[in-house]
Protein backbone atom coordinates (compact mmCIF):
# COMPACT_ATOMS: atom_id res chain seq x y z
CA MET A 1 -28.99 -136.86 17.64
CA ARG A 2 -29.53 -133.49 19.29
CA VAL A 3 -32.33 -133.03 21.61
CA ILE A 4 -34.43 -130.20 23.45
CA ASP A 5 -35.69 -131.55 27.20
CA LEU A 6 -38.97 -129.89 28.05
CA SER A 7 -39.22 -132.47 30.62
CA ARG A 8 -39.25 -132.12 34.32
CA LEU A 9 -39.37 -135.13 37.56
CA LEU A 10 -40.03 -139.16 36.34
CA PRO A 11 -40.67 -140.02 32.64
CA GLY A 12 -39.51 -137.43 30.42
CA PRO A 13 -35.85 -137.54 32.28
CA PHE A 14 -35.73 -141.67 31.92
CA ALA A 15 -36.68 -140.72 28.15
CA THR A 16 -33.97 -138.48 27.75
CA LEU A 17 -31.73 -141.01 30.12
CA CYS A 18 -31.95 -143.64 27.00
CA LEU A 19 -31.57 -141.68 24.40
CA GLN A 20 -28.10 -139.98 26.26
CA GLY A 21 -27.58 -144.75 26.02
CA LEU A 22 -27.82 -143.99 22.35
CA GLY A 23 -25.53 -141.45 21.75
CA ALA A 24 -27.91 -138.57 22.04
CA THR A 25 -26.94 -135.29 23.42
CA VAL A 26 -29.65 -133.16 25.42
CA VAL A 27 -30.14 -130.20 26.83
CA LYS A 28 -32.46 -130.53 29.52
CA VAL A 29 -33.95 -126.22 29.06
CA GLU A 30 -35.89 -125.60 33.26
CA ASP A 31 -37.60 -122.11 35.12
CA PRO A 32 -34.38 -120.37 35.89
CA ASN A 33 -36.90 -120.52 39.53
CA GLY A 34 -35.63 -123.79 41.16
CA GLY A 35 -35.76 -125.61 38.12
CA ASP A 36 -36.96 -129.95 37.69
CA TYR A 37 -38.40 -130.33 41.18
CA LEU A 38 -36.46 -133.27 41.96
CA ARG A 39 -33.62 -130.54 42.45
CA ALA A 40 -33.75 -129.95 45.48
CA LEU A 41 -35.84 -132.98 46.77
CA PRO A 42 -34.61 -135.74 49.57
CA PRO A 43 -33.01 -137.25 49.25
CA LEU A 44 -29.42 -135.51 48.84
CA ILE A 45 -26.11 -136.36 47.44
CA PRO A 46 -22.64 -134.63 46.56
CA GLN A 47 -23.12 -133.11 43.04
CA LEU A 48 -20.74 -134.79 41.22
CA GLY A 49 -18.96 -132.31 38.68
CA GLY A 50 -20.40 -129.26 41.10
CA ALA A 51 -19.13 -126.43 43.35
CA GLU A 52 -17.15 -127.75 46.86
CA GLY A 53 -20.15 -128.79 48.86
CA ALA A 54 -23.05 -128.63 46.09
CA THR A 55 -26.11 -131.30 46.91
CA VAL A 56 -28.30 -132.78 44.29
CA ASN A 57 -31.47 -134.80 44.94
CA ALA A 58 -30.81 -139.02 43.79
CA TRP A 59 -33.09 -138.95 41.47
CA PHE A 60 -31.74 -136.24 39.81
CA ALA A 61 -28.56 -137.13 39.65
CA ALA A 62 -29.45 -140.37 38.32
CA LEU A 63 -31.58 -139.20 35.34
CA ASN A 64 -29.79 -136.00 34.46
CA ARG A 65 -26.51 -136.86 34.66
CA GLY A 66 -24.17 -135.96 31.63
CA LYS A 67 -27.00 -133.38 30.17
CA ARG A 68 -26.24 -129.78 29.24
CA SER A 69 -28.50 -127.45 31.17
CA VAL A 70 -30.50 -123.74 29.68
CA ALA A 71 -32.57 -121.89 32.00
CA LEU A 72 -35.59 -120.38 29.82
CA ASP A 73 -38.87 -118.97 31.60
CA LEU A 74 -41.21 -120.05 29.10
CA LYS A 75 -44.34 -117.47 30.37
CA THR A 76 -41.90 -115.09 28.40
CA GLY A 77 -40.87 -114.23 24.98
CA GLU A 78 -36.88 -113.99 25.64
CA GLY A 79 -37.46 -117.86 27.33
CA ARG A 80 -40.24 -118.96 23.63
CA ASP A 81 -37.73 -116.99 22.29
CA GLY A 82 -34.41 -118.69 23.64
CA VAL A 83 -36.24 -122.08 22.87
CA HIS A 84 -37.08 -121.45 19.17
CA ARG A 85 -32.95 -121.03 18.99
CA LEU A 86 -32.53 -123.83 20.57
CA LEU A 87 -34.73 -125.37 18.14
CA ALA A 88 -33.39 -124.51 15.52
CA GLY A 89 -29.62 -126.88 15.04
CA ALA A 90 -31.98 -129.57 17.61
CA ASP A 91 -33.99 -133.45 16.34
CA VAL A 92 -36.52 -133.98 18.77
CA LEU A 93 -38.28 -131.85 21.63
CA VAL A 94 -38.88 -133.61 24.10
CA GLU A 95 -42.25 -132.45 26.58
CA SER A 96 -44.48 -133.54 29.26
CA PHE A 97 -46.82 -130.66 30.27
CA ARG A 98 -50.67 -131.90 29.86
CA PRO A 99 -52.54 -131.62 26.29
CA GLY A 100 -52.84 -127.95 25.55
CA VAL A 101 -50.11 -126.13 28.12
CA LEU A 102 -47.26 -125.72 25.53
CA ALA A 103 -49.86 -124.14 22.76
CA ARG A 104 -50.55 -121.78 25.50
CA LEU A 105 -47.71 -120.99 27.01
CA GLY A 106 -47.16 -119.74 22.40
CA LEU A 107 -45.74 -123.25 21.18
CA ASP A 108 -48.09 -125.05 19.58
CA PRO A 109 -47.52 -128.35 18.47
CA ALA A 110 -48.44 -128.01 15.33
CA GLU A 111 -46.88 -124.80 14.94
CA LEU A 112 -43.36 -125.39 15.54
CA ARG A 113 -44.14 -128.31 12.77
CA GLU A 114 -44.38 -126.06 10.41
CA ARG A 115 -41.68 -123.71 11.44
CA TYR A 116 -39.24 -126.90 11.95
CA PRO A 117 -40.18 -129.76 9.69
CA GLN A 118 -37.59 -132.44 10.63
CA LEU A 119 -37.92 -131.97 13.93
CA VAL A 120 -40.01 -134.91 16.14
CA ILE A 121 -42.08 -134.08 18.37
CA ALA A 122 -42.45 -136.16 21.81
CA SER A 123 -45.20 -135.03 23.93
CA LEU A 124 -45.51 -137.58 26.82
CA THR A 125 -48.24 -138.01 28.74
CA GLY A 126 -49.98 -140.10 31.27
CA TRP A 127 -53.54 -141.24 29.30
CA GLY A 128 -52.56 -139.76 25.75
CA GLN A 129 -53.66 -135.80 24.19
CA THR A 130 -57.13 -137.03 23.75
CA GLY A 131 -59.84 -138.92 25.18
CA PRO A 132 -62.15 -138.26 28.03
CA MET A 133 -58.91 -138.20 31.20
CA ALA A 134 -56.68 -136.08 28.44
CA LEU A 135 -56.78 -133.04 31.08
CA LEU A 136 -57.03 -135.07 34.51
CA PRO A 137 -53.92 -135.59 36.94
CA GLY A 138 -52.01 -138.89 36.84
CA HIS A 139 -49.32 -140.71 38.60
CA ASP A 140 -48.19 -144.38 37.91
CA LEU A 141 -50.15 -146.24 40.00
CA GLY A 142 -54.05 -145.54 38.79
CA PHE A 143 -52.23 -145.67 35.07
CA LEU A 144 -51.28 -149.54 35.56
CA ALA A 145 -54.72 -149.41 38.05
CA LEU A 146 -57.19 -148.60 34.49
CA ALA A 147 -54.65 -150.71 32.29
CA GLY A 148 -55.78 -153.67 34.54
CA LEU A 149 -52.83 -154.47 35.32
CA LEU A 150 -53.50 -154.31 39.35
CA TYR A 151 -56.14 -156.31 39.30
CA ARG A 152 -54.28 -159.53 41.10
CA ASN A 153 -52.23 -157.89 43.16
CA PRO A 154 -53.13 -154.61 44.01
CA GLY A 155 -50.03 -153.64 45.75
CA VAL A 156 -47.99 -150.59 45.49
CA PRO A 157 -45.23 -152.65 42.35
CA PRO A 158 -41.21 -151.01 43.35
CA ILE A 159 -40.54 -149.10 40.94
CA GLN A 160 -42.69 -147.06 38.55
CA TRP A 161 -43.39 -149.39 35.34
CA GLY A 162 -45.67 -147.12 33.84
CA ASP A 163 -43.38 -144.00 34.50
CA LEU A 164 -40.34 -145.70 33.24
CA ALA A 165 -41.37 -149.18 31.04
CA ALA A 166 -43.92 -147.66 29.17
CA GLY A 167 -43.42 -143.78 29.65
CA GLY A 168 -39.58 -143.36 29.10
CA LEU A 169 -38.02 -146.79 27.57
CA CYS A 170 -41.17 -146.53 24.75
CA ALA A 171 -40.81 -143.29 24.14
CA ALA A 172 -37.49 -143.05 23.16
CA LEU A 173 -38.06 -146.29 21.22
CA ARG A 174 -40.82 -143.96 19.21
CA ILE A 175 -38.64 -141.69 19.25
CA VAL A 176 -35.53 -143.28 16.93
CA ALA A 177 -38.18 -144.60 14.91
CA ALA A 178 -39.25 -141.26 13.66
CA LEU A 179 -35.99 -140.27 13.29
CA LEU A 180 -35.14 -143.15 11.36
CA GLY A 181 -38.20 -143.03 8.92
CA ARG A 182 -37.30 -138.87 8.47
CA GLU A 183 -34.21 -140.36 6.82
CA ARG A 184 -35.33 -143.31 5.74
CA ASP A 185 -38.40 -141.64 3.23
CA ALA A 186 -36.11 -138.63 1.31
CA GLY A 187 -37.64 -135.63 1.83
CA GLY A 188 -39.39 -136.26 4.82
CA GLY A 189 -39.99 -134.62 7.99
CA GLY A 190 -40.12 -135.11 10.78
CA ALA A 191 -43.24 -136.09 13.12
CA TRP A 192 -45.28 -135.17 16.07
CA LEU A 193 -45.89 -138.33 18.75
CA ASP A 194 -48.74 -138.75 21.65
CA ILE A 195 -47.27 -140.65 23.96
CA ALA A 196 -49.37 -141.98 26.37
CA MET A 197 -48.38 -144.16 29.10
CA LEU A 198 -51.62 -146.19 29.92
CA ASP A 199 -52.04 -146.45 25.71
CA ASN A 200 -47.70 -148.56 26.15
CA LEU A 201 -49.35 -150.50 29.63
CA ILE A 202 -51.70 -151.75 27.44
CA GLY A 203 -49.56 -152.46 24.93
CA LEU A 204 -47.32 -154.86 26.81
CA GLN A 205 -50.04 -157.11 27.81
CA GLN A 206 -50.31 -159.06 24.04
CA THR A 207 -51.00 -162.48 25.48
CA ILE A 208 -53.80 -160.66 29.00
CA PHE A 209 -55.86 -159.51 25.70
CA ALA A 210 -54.60 -162.06 23.62
CA ASN A 211 -56.73 -164.81 25.78
CA ILE A 212 -60.06 -163.00 26.51
CA ALA A 213 -59.59 -162.45 21.92
CA ALA A 214 -60.27 -166.21 22.44
CA GLY A 215 -62.39 -166.49 25.37
CA ALA A 216 -59.63 -168.10 27.41
CA GLU A 217 -59.63 -168.20 30.83
CA PRO A 218 -56.62 -166.03 32.27
CA ASP A 219 -52.98 -167.38 32.11
CA GLU A 220 -52.84 -168.98 35.36
CA VAL A 221 -48.85 -170.44 34.25
CA LEU A 222 -46.81 -167.27 34.04
CA THR A 223 -49.32 -165.66 37.25
CA GLY A 224 -48.60 -168.36 40.45
CA GLY A 225 -50.67 -169.97 39.88
CA VAL A 226 -48.96 -173.39 39.17
CA PRO A 227 -46.61 -175.02 42.50
CA VAL A 228 -43.20 -174.59 39.82
CA TYR A 229 -43.48 -170.91 38.44
CA GLY A 230 -43.18 -168.90 41.99
CA THR A 231 -42.00 -167.64 45.09
CA TYR A 232 -41.22 -169.00 48.15
CA ALA A 233 -39.55 -168.19 51.82
CA VAL A 234 -36.21 -169.78 53.15
CA ALA A 235 -34.56 -169.48 55.84
CA ASP A 236 -32.64 -165.37 54.84
CA GLY A 237 -34.76 -164.56 52.59
CA HIS A 238 -37.14 -166.29 49.42
CA VAL A 239 -36.22 -167.54 45.93
CA THR A 240 -37.50 -168.09 43.03
CA VAL A 241 -38.63 -171.52 41.37
CA ALA A 242 -39.75 -171.52 37.15
CA ALA A 243 -39.13 -174.63 36.62
CA LEU A 244 -41.93 -174.05 33.04
CA GLU A 245 -39.89 -176.55 30.52
CA PRO A 246 -39.21 -180.44 30.45
CA ASN A 247 -36.60 -180.59 31.32
CA PHE A 248 -36.39 -177.33 34.29
CA LEU A 249 -39.13 -179.82 35.17
CA ALA A 250 -37.41 -183.13 35.55
CA ALA A 251 -34.13 -181.31 36.98
CA PHE A 252 -36.61 -179.73 39.79
CA ALA A 253 -38.46 -183.56 40.64
CA ALA A 254 -35.84 -185.20 40.41
CA GLN A 255 -34.68 -183.58 43.42
CA ALA A 256 -38.36 -182.47 44.63
CA PRO A 257 -39.95 -184.52 48.15
CA GLY A 258 -42.80 -183.33 46.38
CA MET A 259 -44.23 -181.33 43.69
CA ASP A 260 -47.41 -179.86 45.31
CA ALA A 261 -46.63 -175.72 46.79
CA GLU A 262 -47.72 -177.06 50.24
CA SER A 263 -44.17 -179.61 50.43
CA ILE A 264 -42.44 -177.91 47.50
CA ALA A 265 -42.20 -174.82 50.56
CA ARG A 266 -40.93 -177.59 53.36
CA TRP A 267 -38.53 -178.82 51.44
CA LEU A 268 -37.02 -175.22 50.61
CA GLY A 269 -37.27 -173.77 54.05
CA PRO A 270 -35.21 -174.40 56.53
CA ALA A 271 -32.10 -173.66 53.64
CA THR A 272 -30.81 -170.15 51.93
CA ARG A 273 -30.57 -168.49 49.62
CA ALA A 274 -27.47 -170.00 48.36
CA HIS A 275 -28.26 -173.26 49.27
CA TRP A 276 -30.98 -174.05 46.03
CA ALA A 277 -29.36 -171.08 43.39
CA GLU A 278 -26.33 -173.45 44.12
CA ARG A 279 -28.17 -176.51 44.17
CA LEU A 280 -30.84 -175.98 41.61
CA ALA A 281 -29.38 -173.96 38.99
CA GLY A 282 -30.66 -176.59 36.82
CA ALA A 283 -33.82 -175.99 37.33
CA CYS A 284 -34.05 -172.07 37.24
CA VAL A 285 -33.85 -171.31 41.47
CA VAL A 286 -32.72 -168.27 41.28
CA PRO A 287 -32.28 -166.23 44.91
CA VAL A 288 -34.20 -162.42 45.72
CA LEU A 289 -32.07 -160.10 46.37
CA SER A 290 -32.66 -156.33 47.33
CA PRO A 291 -31.19 -153.51 45.59
CA ALA A 292 -28.06 -153.23 47.98
CA GLU A 293 -27.00 -157.23 47.77
CA VAL A 294 -27.83 -156.18 43.39
CA LEU A 295 -25.33 -154.54 43.25
CA VAL A 296 -22.37 -156.57 44.41
CA HIS A 297 -23.77 -159.80 42.86
CA PRO A 298 -20.73 -161.51 40.57
CA GLN A 299 -24.16 -161.95 37.12
CA VAL A 300 -24.76 -157.59 38.28
CA LEU A 301 -20.41 -157.27 38.50
CA ALA A 302 -19.34 -159.05 35.69
CA ARG A 303 -21.78 -157.19 33.46
CA ASP A 304 -20.57 -153.30 34.78
CA LEU A 305 -24.21 -151.89 34.71
CA PHE A 306 -22.82 -149.61 36.94
CA VAL A 307 -21.11 -146.17 36.69
CA ASP A 308 -20.58 -143.74 40.14
CA GLY A 309 -23.28 -146.42 41.46
CA LEU A 310 -25.65 -145.46 38.95
CA PRO A 311 -27.12 -147.57 36.19
CA HIS A 312 -27.41 -147.03 32.52
CA PRO A 313 -30.04 -147.30 30.98
CA PRO A 314 -31.49 -149.52 29.53
CA THR A 315 -29.98 -147.95 26.21
CA GLY A 316 -26.26 -148.23 26.97
CA PRO A 317 -24.18 -146.20 29.45
CA VAL A 318 -24.08 -143.07 30.27
CA ALA A 319 -22.13 -141.13 32.55
CA GLY A 320 -20.70 -137.17 33.12
CA PRO A 321 -20.99 -134.64 35.60
CA VAL A 322 -25.33 -133.64 37.41
CA PRO A 323 -25.17 -129.77 35.97
CA ALA A 324 -26.12 -126.53 37.52
CA LEU A 325 -29.16 -125.24 36.74
CA GLY A 326 -28.64 -123.26 33.38
CA GLU A 327 -25.27 -124.15 33.25
CA HIS A 328 -25.33 -124.60 30.11
CA THR A 329 -27.47 -121.43 28.71
CA ARG A 330 -24.93 -118.65 28.13
CA GLU A 331 -23.01 -121.07 25.31
CA GLU A 332 -25.74 -122.39 24.32
CA LEU A 333 -27.60 -119.77 23.24
CA GLY A 334 -24.82 -118.17 22.36
């Protein structure tokens, strides 16, 4: 699988990182004047595989390690010609411009489909290619808000669920499905995929909208409405309790002095996370870890989930140097 990536920042590069986890070769096309905006933003780390003293943004390194970088100005004829040379041998094109921008650059997806009938084009946006909000700017927090995910807990989540799960990961899944369809359909071609983070965030909420469709009240069990499914403060942080199924509930109830939230909180509070994780492991009690603690947890270490301090994407291991801006332009364009 050979992927040409015109995207920048977070959702598109995460999508192509996930494709790398499935074995893809990714060619990242960047503006010669600075490249992806992320490159120079803090925090900076030494650039693995770069020149001595070279630094790069930590997020950029995580999202773009192992990729190839080609520098092209898409606003010029030479830059557009370079894209066509790349597409001639490509399976996938990923872009995250607002609707209509690629066409204005002279790379209309409809025309690309005619010129490269086997190409899968993935247009990844927040709101989608159509609808009254299609041309509006957006950020992860707004996509979550409009998808109905913040009405109970309107704080800012610790990661960008729209960009990463509904954006990058869902895009990778759609792309792989399109490639599989292309191979299975004898004489079939590629596709132009309209991938919207809003759509996918709503699609993730099957149970929420099932309740609405059934005329039922919103779920209380998995959203903190019962004492045995929640988070409790302890001596050195918090633990989660998820003792729902009868065997887990019985294991928890056998030790708890009471099953109401107040009694559980008083009981758990004085001891540490490690104490409760060991004592109540059979009742689905787990410590709440910070990211730094995750790195050294025995279960995480046993699963070999990191390389050079960076986690593999959910699709599989990815390693390799971080490309310098335009490092592979000559090799890729000949």
